[in-house]
Amino acid sequence: MNPILFGSLVILTTFLMGSSFAVGKIGLAYVSPLLLVGLRFTIAGMIMALFVMKKPLPRKTLDWGRVILVGFFQTAGVMGCIFLSLRTITAGESSILTFSNPLMVVILSTLFLGGKYEVLQWLGVILGFAGVFITLGFHLQIQEGTLLGLGSAISWATATVLIKAWGQRFNVWVLTAYQMLFGGILLLIMGVTMETPKLVFHPTSVFIILWLAIMASIVQFAVWFYLLNQSDPGKTSAFLFLAPFFGVLTGWLLLDEVVDWYVCIGGGFIILGIFFVNWTFKPKDMPSSENGY
């Protein structure tokens, strides 16, 4: 691929991933967290389902169950934790914690998929978790927001391992569409049963919901999968470190969030750790975090 085109698309998709944290936090003024993310992914899933109607769908009930389970972790788990975390921590902190997920993938794939990794990759894991510790202010804060941020990373890593194990059973676009749809519906149910639902119809709230559903979900997925198909997926995944950078940047620009010095240092450690983990990627050994938001 033309390097300029590749770089432009990488910036576009990682910007959409990272900026969705700040945009989502603005949306919380109009829509309750679980309802907002439920609307986002239900709309995105329905639109994508229309586009994949002619592609082969799962035929076995068990395979539909696998799609639902992926949706539970990849969409409901990840996005539910992210948007709930935004109530108590900054968009930048939430994005940094969430995008530590490739470090979790190394551990989970070693335990459950028999993955084997080089010393440099394990060094990346150590650096990454040191970065999480630093980001939390050099001490482990047992508070809701940070725990939810880490929960989103663990849920994302779990989904990645499941997709690595089951992904060959499905058309990638069908899996993407229906896991978003099922996850979005689950989030909608949670939004009206587990929290006091709030939905303020306003031009800003409508714009945010549509932006998150179309640009930050459908377009972001399409561009990301296109890049993975056109280049080495492991090396491409290394560019995920740009997403938390954009998360911190847009939190500062849109929300006037104060970026403490230790958050910058911790984010740098996490970025370096993810870089080490992904840049030495071997397709036969390590699943990449291909389902980014």
Protein backbone atom coordinates (compact mmCIF):
# COMPACT_ATOMS: atom_id res chain seq x y z
CA MET A 1 0.00 0.00 0.00
CA ASN A 2 1.09 3.56 -0.68
CA PRO A 3 2.82 4.73 2.56
CA ILE A 4 0.94 8.05 2.59
CA LEU A 5 -2.41 6.28 2.18
CA PHE A 6 -1.47 3.71 4.84
CA GLY A 7 -0.41 6.41 7.29
CA SER A 8 -3.54 8.46 6.64
CA LEU A 9 -5.83 5.48 7.23
CA VAL A 10 -3.95 4.50 10.39
CA ILE A 11 -4.38 8.01 11.78
CA LEU A 12 -8.06 8.04 10.80
CA THR A 13 -8.97 4.72 12.44
CA THR A 14 -6.92 5.25 15.61
CA PHE A 15 -8.27 8.80 15.91
CA LEU A 16 -11.82 7.43 15.72
CA MET A 17 -10.94 4.82 18.36
CA GLY A 18 -9.34 7.25 20.77
CA SER A 19 -11.64 10.25 20.32
CA SER A 20 -14.73 8.15 21.04
CA PHE A 21 -13.86 8.34 24.76
CA ALA A 22 -14.12 12.13 24.88
CA VAL A 23 -17.14 12.22 22.55
CA GLY A 24 -18.83 9.58 24.70
CA LYS A 25 -18.16 11.54 27.87
CA ILE A 26 -19.85 14.58 26.33
CA GLY A 27 -22.81 12.33 25.48
CA LEU A 28 -23.22 11.36 29.14
CA ALA A 29 -24.71 14.80 29.76
CA TYR A 30 -27.67 13.74 27.61
CA VAL A 31 -27.87 9.94 27.80
CA SER A 32 -27.21 7.51 30.64
CA PRO A 33 -24.01 5.42 30.08
CA LEU A 34 -25.36 1.96 29.27
CA LEU A 35 -28.24 3.35 27.21
CA LEU A 36 -25.85 5.52 25.18
CA VAL A 37 -23.50 2.69 24.30
CA GLY A 38 -26.45 0.36 23.74
CA LEU A 39 -27.94 2.74 21.18
CA ARG A 40 -24.53 3.15 19.55
CA PHE A 41 -23.94 -0.53 18.91
CA THR A 42 -27.53 -1.55 18.24
CA ILE A 43 -27.72 1.06 15.47
CA ALA A 44 -24.27 0.12 14.13
CA GLY A 45 -25.08 -3.60 14.29
CA MET A 46 -28.40 -3.18 12.47
CA ILE A 47 -26.78 -1.16 9.68
CA MET A 48 -23.95 -3.66 9.27
CA ALA A 49 -26.37 -6.60 9.39
CA LEU A 50 -28.13 -5.15 6.34
CA PHE A 51 -24.83 -5.00 4.46
CA VAL A 52 -23.94 -8.65 5.23
CA MET A 53 -27.36 -10.16 4.46
CA LYS A 54 -26.00 -11.98 1.40
CA LYS A 55 -22.92 -13.31 3.15
CA PRO A 56 -22.94 -16.79 4.73
CA LEU A 57 -24.54 -16.75 8.18
CA PRO A 58 -23.87 -19.28 10.95
CA ARG A 59 -26.09 -22.34 10.53
CA LYS A 60 -25.62 -24.04 13.90
CA THR A 61 -27.24 -22.87 17.11
CA LEU A 62 -23.93 -23.37 18.89
CA ASP A 63 -22.20 -21.01 16.46
CA TRP A 64 -24.82 -18.33 17.10
CA GLY A 65 -24.11 -18.87 20.79
CA ARG A 66 -20.42 -18.24 20.10
CA VAL A 67 -21.29 -14.98 18.30
CA ILE A 68 -23.42 -13.88 21.26
CA LEU A 69 -20.60 -14.71 23.69
CA VAL A 70 -18.13 -12.68 21.62
CA GLY A 71 -20.66 -9.83 21.63
CA PHE A 72 -20.98 -10.12 25.39
CA PHE A 73 -17.24 -9.57 25.90
CA GLN A 74 -16.26 -7.46 22.85
CA THR A 75 -19.18 -5.05 22.83
CA ALA A 76 -21.20 -5.29 26.05
CA GLY A 77 -18.26 -5.93 28.37
CA VAL A 78 -15.74 -3.56 26.83
CA MET A 79 -18.03 -0.66 26.06
CA GLY A 80 -20.15 -1.04 29.18
CA CYS A 81 -17.03 -0.81 31.36
CA ILE A 82 -15.64 2.12 29.37
CA PHE A 83 -18.75 4.27 29.53
CA LEU A 84 -19.38 3.51 33.19
CA SER A 85 -15.75 4.36 33.98
CA LEU A 86 -16.17 7.78 32.32
CA ARG A 87 -18.44 8.81 35.19
CA THR A 88 -15.51 8.90 37.63
CA ILE A 89 -12.23 9.09 35.64
CA THR A 90 -11.08 11.15 32.68
CA ALA A 91 -11.45 10.10 29.05
CA GLY A 92 -7.66 10.00 28.80
CA GLU A 93 -7.24 7.66 31.77
CA SER A 94 -10.02 5.38 30.55
CA SER A 95 -8.48 5.13 27.07
CA ILE A 96 -5.01 4.35 28.45
CA LEU A 97 -6.35 1.60 30.71
CA THR A 98 -8.55 0.13 27.97
CA PHE A 99 -5.79 0.01 25.37
CA SER A 100 -3.55 -1.98 27.69
CA ASN A 101 -5.55 -4.97 26.41
CA PRO A 102 -2.80 -6.38 24.13
CA LEU A 103 -0.78 -6.99 27.28
CA MET A 104 -3.68 -9.02 28.70
CA VAL A 105 -3.87 -10.97 25.41
CA VAL A 106 -0.34 -12.28 25.90
CA ILE A 107 -1.22 -13.70 29.30
CA LEU A 108 -4.61 -15.16 28.32
CA SER A 109 -3.36 -16.69 25.08
CA THR A 110 -0.45 -18.28 26.94
CA LEU A 111 -2.85 -19.81 29.46
CA PHE A 112 -5.63 -20.92 27.09
CA LEU A 113 -4.20 -21.11 23.55
CA GLY A 114 -0.70 -22.38 24.22
CA GLY A 115 0.87 -19.25 22.76
CA LYS A 116 4.64 -18.92 22.99
CA TYR A 117 6.34 -15.55 23.24
CA GLU A 118 9.82 -14.13 23.06
CA VAL A 119 11.65 -12.42 25.92
CA LEU A 120 11.07 -9.00 24.34
CA GLN A 121 7.31 -9.61 24.34
CA TRP A 122 7.28 -10.51 28.03
CA LEU A 123 9.37 -7.41 28.67
CA GLY A 124 6.61 -5.50 26.90
CA VAL A 125 4.04 -7.00 29.28
CA ILE A 126 6.12 -5.96 32.30
CA LEU A 127 6.60 -2.42 30.96
CA GLY A 128 2.90 -2.18 30.15
CA PHE A 129 1.72 -3.15 33.60
CA ALA A 130 4.31 -0.83 35.15
CA GLY A 131 2.72 1.87 33.00
CA VAL A 132 -0.72 1.04 34.37
CA PHE A 133 0.66 1.33 37.92
CA ILE A 134 2.22 4.72 37.11
CA THR A 135 -0.93 5.95 35.36
CA LEU A 136 -2.89 5.25 38.53
CA GLY A 137 -0.64 7.67 40.43
CA PHE A 138 2.05 5.21 41.58
CA HIS A 139 -0.41 3.36 43.76
CA LEU A 140 -3.28 0.98 43.16
CA GLN A 141 -6.48 2.93 43.60
CA ILE A 142 -9.38 0.68 44.47
CA GLN A 143 -12.02 2.92 42.96
CA GLU A 144 -14.82 2.27 40.54
CA GLY A 145 -13.50 4.10 37.48
CA THR A 146 -10.03 2.57 37.37
CA LEU A 147 -11.35 -0.93 38.06
CA LEU A 148 -13.86 -0.53 35.23
CA GLY A 149 -11.10 0.75 32.94
CA LEU A 150 -9.04 -2.35 33.66
CA GLY A 151 -12.19 -4.46 33.29
CA SER A 152 -12.67 -3.17 29.76
CA ALA A 153 -9.12 -4.24 28.87
CA ILE A 154 -9.64 -7.73 30.33
CA SER A 155 -12.98 -8.11 28.52
CA TRP A 156 -11.41 -6.99 25.22
CA ALA A 157 -8.52 -9.44 25.66
CA THR A 158 -10.98 -12.26 26.42
CA ALA A 159 -12.90 -11.47 23.23
CA THR A 160 -9.65 -11.44 21.23
CA VAL A 161 -8.76 -14.91 22.49
CA LEU A 162 -12.27 -16.18 21.66
CA ILE A 163 -12.07 -14.71 18.16
CA LYS A 164 -8.65 -16.31 17.68
CA ALA A 165 -10.13 -19.68 18.69
CA TRP A 166 -13.44 -19.44 16.79
CA GLY A 167 -12.93 -16.79 14.12
CA GLN A 168 -12.32 -19.24 11.27
CA ARG A 169 -15.90 -20.47 11.64
CA PHE A 170 -17.37 -17.14 10.51
CA ASN A 171 -17.20 -14.53 7.81
CA VAL A 172 -15.36 -11.68 9.54
CA TRP A 173 -17.97 -9.07 8.57
CA VAL A 174 -20.85 -11.27 9.71
CA LEU A 175 -19.15 -11.85 13.04
CA THR A 176 -18.46 -8.13 13.43
CA ALA A 177 -22.03 -7.10 12.58
CA TYR A 178 -23.87 -9.58 14.76
CA GLN A 179 -21.57 -9.43 17.77
CA MET A 180 -22.16 -5.65 17.78
CA LEU A 181 -25.91 -6.14 17.37
CA PHE A 182 -26.22 -8.74 20.13
CA GLY A 183 -23.89 -6.79 22.41
CA GLY A 184 -25.82 -3.58 21.74
CA ILE A 185 -29.17 -5.21 22.54
CA LEU A 186 -27.74 -6.60 25.78
CA LEU A 187 -26.49 -3.11 26.69
CA LEU A 188 -29.94 -1.64 25.95
CA ILE A 189 -31.52 -4.19 28.29
CA MET A 190 -28.94 -3.35 30.96
CA GLY A 191 -29.54 0.34 30.34
CA VAL A 192 -33.21 0.16 31.29
CA THR A 193 -32.86 -2.39 34.12
CA MET A 194 -29.54 -1.67 35.86
CA GLU A 195 -29.54 2.13 35.83
CA THR A 196 -32.03 4.96 35.75
CA PRO A 197 -32.39 5.55 32.00
CA LYS A 198 -31.95 9.08 30.71
CA LEU A 199 -32.35 10.21 27.10
CA VAL A 200 -32.48 13.91 26.26
CA PHE A 201 -33.36 14.57 22.61
CA HIS A 202 -31.16 17.43 21.49
CA PRO A 203 -29.21 18.12 18.28
CA THR A 204 -25.99 17.46 20.21
CA SER A 205 -27.17 14.12 21.63
CA VAL A 206 -28.45 12.94 18.24
CA PHE A 207 -25.16 13.93 16.59
CA ILE A 208 -23.12 12.11 19.25
CA ILE A 209 -25.15 8.90 18.98
CA LEU A 210 -24.89 8.88 15.17
CA TRP A 211 -21.20 9.78 15.24
CA LEU A 212 -20.45 6.95 17.66
CA ALA A 213 -22.57 4.46 15.69
CA ILE A 214 -21.43 5.34 12.18
CA MET A 215 -18.00 6.98 12.32
CA ALA A 216 -16.58 5.49 15.54
CA SER A 217 -18.01 2.01 14.92
CA ILE A 218 -18.79 1.17 11.28
CA VAL A 219 -16.22 3.38 9.54
CA GLN A 220 -13.57 2.63 12.14
CA PHE A 221 -14.11 -1.13 11.80
CA ALA A 222 -14.11 -0.97 7.98
CA VAL A 223 -10.85 0.99 7.81
CA TRP A 224 -9.17 -1.15 10.48
CA PHE A 225 -10.05 -4.45 8.81
CA TYR A 226 -8.99 -3.05 5.43
CA LEU A 227 -5.57 -2.20 6.87
CA LEU A 228 -5.24 -5.63 8.47
CA ASN A 229 -6.04 -7.29 5.13
CA GLN A 230 -3.66 -5.10 3.14
CA SER A 231 -0.61 -5.38 5.41
CA ASP A 232 0.99 -7.51 8.09
CA PRO A 233 -1.63 -7.70 10.88
CA GLY A 234 0.92 -7.91 13.69
CA LYS A 235 2.87 -4.85 12.64
CA THR A 236 -0.33 -2.97 11.86
CA SER A 237 -1.67 -3.76 15.34
CA ALA A 238 1.40 -2.06 16.80
CA PHE A 239 -0.13 1.24 15.70
CA LEU A 240 -2.92 0.76 18.26
CA PHE A 241 -0.67 2.73 20.61
CA LEU A 242 -1.87 5.86 18.77
CA ALA A 243 -5.43 5.35 20.06
CA PRO A 244 -4.78 6.23 23.73
CA PHE A 245 -2.70 9.18 22.52
CA PHE A 246 -5.75 10.49 20.67
CA GLY A 247 -7.88 9.65 23.72
CA VAL A 248 -5.75 11.87 25.94
CA LEU A 249 -5.44 14.58 23.28
CA THR A 250 -9.18 14.86 22.59
CA GLY A 251 -9.96 14.74 26.31
CA TRP A 252 -7.69 17.76 26.72
CA LEU A 253 -9.09 19.58 23.67
CA LEU A 254 -12.80 18.85 24.08
CA LEU A 255 -13.17 18.50 27.85
CA ASP A 256 -10.32 20.62 29.23
CA GLU A 257 -9.09 17.56 31.11
CA VAL A 258 -5.90 18.09 33.08
CA VAL A 259 -3.25 15.58 32.01
CA ASP A 260 -1.03 14.92 35.04
CA TRP A 261 2.64 14.27 34.40
CA TYR A 262 2.47 10.74 35.76
CA VAL A 263 -0.38 9.90 33.34
CA CYS A 264 1.89 10.90 30.44
CA ILE A 265 4.77 8.78 31.79
CA GLY A 266 2.50 5.82 32.48
CA GLY A 267 0.94 6.12 29.04
CA GLY A 268 4.43 6.14 27.53
CA PHE A 269 5.32 2.91 29.35
CA ILE A 270 2.11 1.27 28.13
CA ILE A 271 2.73 2.41 24.56
CA LEU A 272 6.29 1.05 24.68
CA GLY A 273 5.08 -2.22 26.16
CA ILE A 274 2.40 -2.68 23.49
CA PHE A 275 4.97 -1.82 20.83
CA PHE A 276 7.31 -4.58 22.07
CA VAL A 277 4.46 -7.08 22.26
CA ASN A 278 3.14 -6.39 18.76
CA TRP A 279 6.22 -5.51 16.74
CA THR A 280 7.75 -8.96 17.23
CA PHE A 281 4.42 -10.60 16.34
CA LYS A 282 4.43 -14.06 14.81
CA PRO A 283 1.06 -15.07 13.27
CA LYS A 284 1.34 -18.69 14.32
CA ASP A 285 1.98 -17.83 17.95
CA MET A 286 0.13 -14.70 18.93
CA PRO A 287 -3.39 -13.37 18.33
CA SER A 288 -3.46 -9.67 17.54
CA SER A 289 -5.94 -7.25 19.09
CA GLU A 290 -7.82 -6.73 15.84
CA ASN A 291 -11.15 -5.57 17.19
CA GLY A 292 -10.35 -2.14 18.36
CA TYR A 293 -12.88 0.79 19.07
